[in-house]
Amino acid sequence: MNETIKQIQIEHLRPFENFPFQIRHDEQLELLAESIAMEGIYNPLIVRPLKKDVYEIISGHRRYEACKMAGVKTTPAIIREMDKDSAIIAVIDCNMHREFILPSEKAFAYKMKLDAMNRQGKRTDLTFSQVGKKLNSYETVAKQTGESRSQIHRYIRLTNLIKPLLDMVDQGRIALSPAVELSYLSEYEQEQLVMHINFYDATPSLSQAIQMRNLSDENLLSDNAIKEIMSERKANQIEYLKMPTDSIRKFFRPNTTEKQMQNIILKALAFYNKYQQRQNNKTR
């Protein structure tokens, strides 16, 4: 593999085109920036040349952002000659080991990698109508990630969601299974659904999502049909205590999902309840 290592000016670096992972400007990034400002970068970035004195980042997007925050002007980088599709596969592989990955990040990462593999001559059709070579790339990615072929396909379906719905999936408001069903709705139908989600302050269950998909397949999913489905009281519907997420997020680690916060709060309340019972027993 043709590669060299040298110091590159930060202004000559470019984030990877359509980079599917978010760079979260959180406390960890600030600590990384402080460390780089004091001690420099231990692990060089991996980049590929785009044109004269311009390089695209393959690995090291967080270090790149931290360098900018720290005011660092240059960074060591391994310059690796790679074509676009090889670079896409490398970018995905370098970032899939992250501790926390959003559903949307997985969705676009899997799609980008499989599309690149397809262009390299491997079949990555997003259907399972035939077996054989079409599944080879899915099997490769499944083995590398520990996900099943069907799970990878389900994640890729999320790339068909409009941003407001995809954001709800990332926030844990819509689970993966109903989100996959909703991904078969047209863009207009999804936009109408978002309006009703906001109006009723409720997201569709799996059964509701399946109803909408079936009606959409028959070209019968009108605005009134969405309204009727979303206005149904779910069999397991319960009341919720609502509070601004920002008011409690400071008590949790960065990147903790709302579902994880809910579980931690419930455990803390259970512990507090036992403490109160012990205190009451002491005063009797």
Protein backbone atom coordinates (compact mmCIF):
# COMPACT_ATOMS: atom_id res chain seq x y z
CA MET A 1 0.00 0.00 0.00
CA ASN A 2 1.44 3.37 -1.05
CA GLU A 3 1.56 5.68 1.97
CA THR A 4 3.72 8.31 3.65
CA ILE A 5 3.50 10.23 6.93
CA LYS A 6 4.07 13.94 7.40
CA GLN A 7 2.80 17.06 9.14
CA ILE A 8 -0.21 18.57 7.36
CA GLN A 9 -1.72 21.98 7.95
CA ILE A 10 -5.21 21.77 9.44
CA GLU A 11 -6.55 24.12 6.78
CA HIS A 12 -5.56 21.60 4.11
CA LEU A 13 -7.74 18.84 5.60
CA ARG A 14 -11.33 18.12 4.58
CA PRO A 15 -13.89 15.94 6.43
CA PHE A 16 -14.91 12.88 4.43
CA GLU A 17 -17.72 13.60 1.97
CA ASN A 18 -21.11 12.55 3.41
CA PHE A 19 -19.42 11.35 6.61
CA PRO A 20 -22.27 9.36 8.24
CA PHE A 21 -21.18 9.79 11.87
CA GLN A 22 -21.86 12.80 14.06
CA ILE A 23 -19.03 14.67 15.74
CA ARG A 24 -20.51 15.51 19.12
CA HIS A 25 -19.17 18.69 20.67
CA ASP A 26 -19.35 17.33 24.18
CA GLU A 27 -17.17 17.28 27.28
CA GLN A 28 -15.05 14.44 25.90
CA LEU A 29 -14.19 16.45 22.79
CA GLU A 30 -13.25 19.42 24.97
CA LEU A 31 -10.96 17.20 27.05
CA LEU A 32 -9.38 15.85 23.88
CA ALA A 33 -8.79 19.40 22.66
CA GLU A 34 -7.13 20.32 25.97
CA SER A 35 -4.92 17.24 25.78
CA ILE A 36 -3.87 18.02 22.20
CA ALA A 37 -3.15 21.64 23.12
CA MET A 38 -0.79 20.51 25.91
CA GLU A 39 0.74 17.32 24.54
CA GLY A 40 0.01 17.19 20.82
CA ILE A 41 -1.40 14.24 18.85
CA TYR A 42 -0.07 10.75 19.54
CA ASN A 43 -2.02 8.92 16.83
CA PRO A 44 -1.68 10.37 13.32
CA LEU A 45 -4.79 10.90 11.21
CA ILE A 46 -5.24 8.79 8.11
CA VAL A 47 -5.99 10.84 5.00
CA ARG A 48 -6.05 10.46 1.22
CA PRO A 49 -4.95 13.11 -1.28
CA LEU A 50 -7.73 14.83 -3.23
CA LYS A 51 -5.65 17.35 -5.12
CA LYS A 52 -2.50 19.35 -4.53
CA ASP A 53 -2.20 20.16 -0.80
CA VAL A 54 -5.79 19.05 -0.08
CA TYR A 55 -6.49 15.85 1.86
CA GLU A 56 -9.67 14.02 2.80
CA ILE A 57 -9.87 12.50 6.28
CA ILE A 58 -10.31 8.73 6.46
CA SER A 59 -9.73 8.29 10.20
CA GLY A 60 -9.46 11.04 12.81
CA HIS A 61 -12.49 13.32 12.45
CA ARG A 62 -12.74 13.88 16.21
CA ARG A 63 -9.01 14.62 16.44
CA TYR A 64 -9.42 17.05 13.53
CA GLU A 65 -12.24 18.90 15.34
CA ALA A 66 -10.25 18.89 18.58
CA CYS A 67 -7.25 20.37 16.76
CA LYS A 68 -9.40 23.22 15.47
CA MET A 69 -10.78 23.82 18.97
CA ALA A 70 -7.26 23.82 20.42
CA GLY A 71 -5.95 26.21 17.76
CA VAL A 72 -3.41 23.66 16.54
CA LYS A 73 -2.12 24.54 13.07
CA THR A 74 -0.66 21.20 11.93
CA THR A 75 -1.17 17.51 12.66
CA PRO A 76 0.74 14.35 11.78
CA ALA A 77 -1.10 12.29 9.17
CA ILE A 78 -0.59 9.10 7.22
CA ILE A 79 -1.20 9.88 3.55
CA ARG A 80 -2.68 6.83 1.88
CA GLU A 81 -3.45 6.53 -1.83
CA MET A 82 -7.02 5.19 -2.10
CA ASP A 83 -9.83 5.33 -4.61
CA LYS A 84 -13.23 6.65 -3.52
CA ASP A 85 -14.90 3.30 -2.84
CA SER A 86 -11.93 1.88 -0.94
CA ALA A 87 -11.91 5.09 1.10
CA ILE A 88 -15.63 4.74 1.92
CA ILE A 89 -15.14 1.19 3.18
CA ALA A 90 -12.12 2.27 5.24
CA VAL A 91 -14.02 5.22 6.76
CA ILE A 92 -16.90 2.98 7.85
CA ASP A 93 -14.59 0.30 9.24
CA CYS A 94 -12.56 2.89 11.18
CA ASN A 95 -15.66 4.30 12.88
CA MET A 96 -17.94 1.31 13.53
CA HIS A 97 -16.01 0.44 16.70
CA ARG A 98 -17.36 3.54 18.47
CA GLU A 99 -18.91 2.94 21.88
CA PHE A 100 -22.17 4.68 20.98
CA ILE A 101 -23.63 4.74 17.46
CA LEU A 102 -27.02 6.20 16.60
CA PRO A 103 -29.46 4.20 14.45
CA SER A 104 -29.19 6.84 11.71
CA GLU A 105 -25.39 6.56 11.76
CA LYS A 106 -25.59 2.79 11.33
CA ALA A 107 -28.18 3.19 8.58
CA PHE A 108 -26.14 5.48 6.36
CA ALA A 109 -22.85 3.77 7.22
CA TYR A 110 -24.14 0.34 6.19
CA LYS A 111 -25.66 1.76 3.00
CA MET A 112 -22.49 3.63 2.03
CA LYS A 113 -20.33 0.56 2.59
CA LEU A 114 -22.59 -1.84 0.70
CA ASP A 115 -22.98 0.62 -2.19
CA ALA A 116 -19.19 0.94 -2.36
CA MET A 117 -18.78 -2.83 -2.34
CA ASN A 118 -21.36 -3.02 -5.12
CA ARG A 119 -19.41 -0.57 -7.25
CA GLN A 120 -16.31 -2.66 -6.64
CA GLY A 121 -18.07 -5.54 -8.31
CA LYS A 122 -19.82 -7.23 -5.40
CA ARG A 123 -23.60 -7.61 -5.47
CA THR A 124 -25.27 -5.72 -2.63
CA ASP A 125 -28.86 -5.46 -3.89
CA LEU A 126 -31.08 -4.36 -1.04
CA THR A 127 -33.59 -7.18 -1.66
CA PHE A 128 -33.66 -10.79 -0.71
CA SER A 129 -35.61 -12.01 -3.74
CA GLN A 130 -32.68 -14.18 -4.77
CA VAL A 131 -29.97 -15.87 -2.79
CA GLY A 132 -26.39 -16.55 -3.70
CA LYS A 133 -24.02 -13.76 -4.74
CA LYS A 134 -26.51 -11.07 -3.74
CA LEU A 135 -26.03 -12.01 -0.10
CA ASN A 136 -22.24 -12.19 -0.13
CA SER A 137 -21.70 -8.53 0.79
CA TYR A 138 -24.40 -8.67 3.46
CA GLU A 139 -22.74 -11.76 4.91
CA THR A 140 -19.37 -10.00 4.91
CA VAL A 141 -20.72 -6.92 6.71
CA ALA A 142 -22.77 -9.10 9.08
CA LYS A 143 -19.67 -11.06 10.06
CA GLN A 144 -17.66 -7.87 10.58
CA THR A 145 -20.30 -6.12 12.69
CA GLY A 146 -22.02 -9.00 14.50
CA GLU A 147 -25.38 -7.94 13.07
CA SER A 148 -27.61 -10.32 11.09
CA ARG A 149 -28.23 -9.74 7.37
CA SER A 150 -31.87 -8.91 8.08
CA GLN A 151 -30.90 -6.42 10.81
CA ILE A 152 -28.51 -4.64 8.44
CA HIS A 153 -31.28 -4.48 5.84
CA ARG A 154 -33.66 -3.02 8.47
CA TYR A 155 -31.16 -0.32 9.38
CA ILE A 156 -30.66 0.60 5.73
CA ARG A 157 -34.43 1.03 5.37
CA LEU A 158 -34.13 3.95 7.81
CA THR A 159 -32.35 5.98 5.12
CA ASN A 160 -35.78 6.31 3.46
CA LEU A 161 -37.19 8.24 6.44
CA ILE A 162 -37.46 12.02 6.36
CA LYS A 163 -35.25 13.79 8.89
CA PRO A 164 -37.91 14.55 11.55
CA LEU A 165 -38.84 10.85 11.74
CA LEU A 166 -35.21 9.75 11.67
CA ASP A 167 -34.47 12.16 14.52
CA MET A 168 -37.27 10.52 16.54
CA VAL A 169 -35.63 7.14 15.97
CA ASP A 170 -32.29 8.50 17.20
CA GLN A 171 -34.02 9.99 20.23
CA GLY A 172 -35.64 6.67 21.09
CA ARG A 173 -39.15 7.99 20.51
CA ILE A 174 -39.78 5.57 17.63
CA ALA A 175 -38.47 2.02 17.90
CA LEU A 176 -36.67 0.31 15.03
CA SER A 177 -39.51 -2.05 14.03
CA PRO A 178 -42.21 0.61 13.52
CA ALA A 179 -39.59 2.89 11.94
CA VAL A 180 -38.86 0.25 9.31
CA GLU A 181 -42.57 0.00 8.47
CA LEU A 182 -42.84 3.79 8.21
CA SER A 183 -39.87 3.87 5.83
CA TYR A 184 -42.14 2.44 3.12
CA LEU A 185 -44.43 5.51 3.26
CA SER A 186 -43.97 8.20 0.63
CA GLU A 187 -42.24 11.44 1.61
CA TYR A 188 -45.59 13.27 1.58
CA GLU A 189 -47.22 10.63 3.78
CA GLN A 190 -44.31 10.85 6.22
CA GLU A 191 -44.66 14.63 6.37
CA GLN A 192 -48.37 14.27 7.17
CA LEU A 193 -47.54 11.72 9.84
CA VAL A 194 -45.07 14.11 11.50
CA MET A 195 -47.82 16.72 11.72
CA HIS A 196 -50.10 14.26 13.55
CA ILE A 197 -47.29 13.06 15.81
CA ASN A 198 -46.74 16.64 16.90
CA PHE A 199 -50.48 17.27 17.30
CA TYR A 200 -51.19 14.16 19.40
CA ASP A 201 -47.77 14.20 21.09
CA ALA A 202 -47.56 10.47 20.42
CA THR A 203 -45.58 8.23 18.09
CA PRO A 204 -47.03 5.24 16.24
CA SER A 205 -46.81 1.75 17.68
CA LEU A 206 -45.73 -1.18 15.53
CA SER A 207 -49.35 -2.15 14.81
CA GLN A 208 -50.20 1.44 13.83
CA ALA A 209 -47.14 1.64 11.59
CA ILE A 210 -48.13 -1.61 9.90
CA GLN A 211 -51.66 -0.25 9.33
CA MET A 212 -50.23 2.84 7.67
CA ARG A 213 -47.85 0.86 5.49
CA ASN A 214 -50.66 -1.44 4.31
CA LEU A 215 -52.85 1.54 3.43
CA SER A 216 -49.94 3.23 1.70
CA ASP A 217 -49.31 0.12 -0.40
CA GLU A 218 -52.93 0.38 -1.58
CA ASN A 219 -52.69 4.17 -2.13
CA LEU A 220 -55.30 4.67 0.58
CA LEU A 221 -53.23 6.43 3.24
CA SER A 222 -54.96 9.80 3.27
CA ASP A 223 -54.48 12.52 5.86
CA ASN A 224 -57.78 11.47 7.47
CA ALA A 225 -56.61 7.86 7.60
CA ILE A 226 -53.40 8.89 9.40
CA LYS A 227 -55.45 11.04 11.77
CA GLU A 228 -57.81 8.18 12.54
CA ILE A 229 -54.96 5.76 13.23
CA MET A 230 -52.97 8.20 15.37
CA SER A 231 -56.04 9.23 17.39
CA GLU A 232 -56.66 5.63 18.47
CA ARG A 233 -55.91 4.98 22.09
CA LYS A 234 -53.24 2.31 22.27
CA ALA A 235 -54.06 -0.77 24.28
CA ASN A 236 -51.07 -0.21 26.53
CA GLN A 237 -51.27 3.58 26.56
CA ILE A 238 -50.39 5.12 29.91
CA GLU A 239 -49.84 8.61 31.25
CA TYR A 240 -46.33 10.04 31.30
CA LEU A 241 -44.54 12.48 33.55
CA LYS A 242 -42.82 14.99 31.26
CA MET A 243 -39.83 17.18 32.02
CA PRO A 244 -37.29 18.96 29.82
CA THR A 245 -34.45 16.61 28.95
CA ASP A 246 -31.92 19.45 29.28
CA SER A 247 -32.81 19.83 32.96
CA ILE A 248 -31.64 16.30 33.81
CA ARG A 249 -29.04 15.53 31.15
CA LYS A 250 -26.28 17.07 33.28
CA PHE A 251 -26.63 14.14 35.68
CA PHE A 252 -25.77 11.59 32.98
CA ARG A 253 -22.80 10.66 30.85
CA PRO A 254 -22.65 12.22 27.38
CA ASN A 255 -24.54 10.31 24.68
CA THR A 256 -26.89 8.64 27.20
CA THR A 257 -30.17 8.00 25.37
CA GLU A 258 -33.56 9.02 26.78
CA LYS A 259 -34.43 5.33 27.28
CA GLN A 260 -31.23 4.77 29.25
CA MET A 261 -31.93 7.88 31.36
CA GLN A 262 -35.42 6.58 32.08
CA ASN A 263 -34.06 3.23 33.28
CA ILE A 264 -31.45 4.90 35.50
CA ILE A 265 -34.06 7.25 37.01
CA LEU A 266 -36.39 4.31 37.79
CA LYS A 267 -33.53 2.44 39.51
CA ALA A 268 -32.63 5.57 41.49
CA LEU A 269 -36.27 6.02 42.60
CA ALA A 270 -36.44 2.37 43.68
CA PHE A 271 -33.27 2.86 45.74
CA TYR A 272 -34.69 6.08 47.24
CA ASN A 273 -37.93 4.31 48.12
CA LYS A 274 -36.03 1.60 50.03
CA TYR A 275 -34.04 4.32 51.83
CA GLN A 276 -37.27 6.08 52.85
CA GLN A 277 -38.72 2.82 54.15
CA ARG A 278 -35.62 2.22 56.28
CA GLN A 279 -35.84 5.75 57.65
CA ASN A 280 -39.51 5.31 58.50
CA ASN A 281 -38.78 2.04 60.30
CA LYS A 282 -36.16 3.76 62.44
CA THR A 283 -38.63 6.42 63.62
CA ARG A 284 -41.35 3.95 64.66
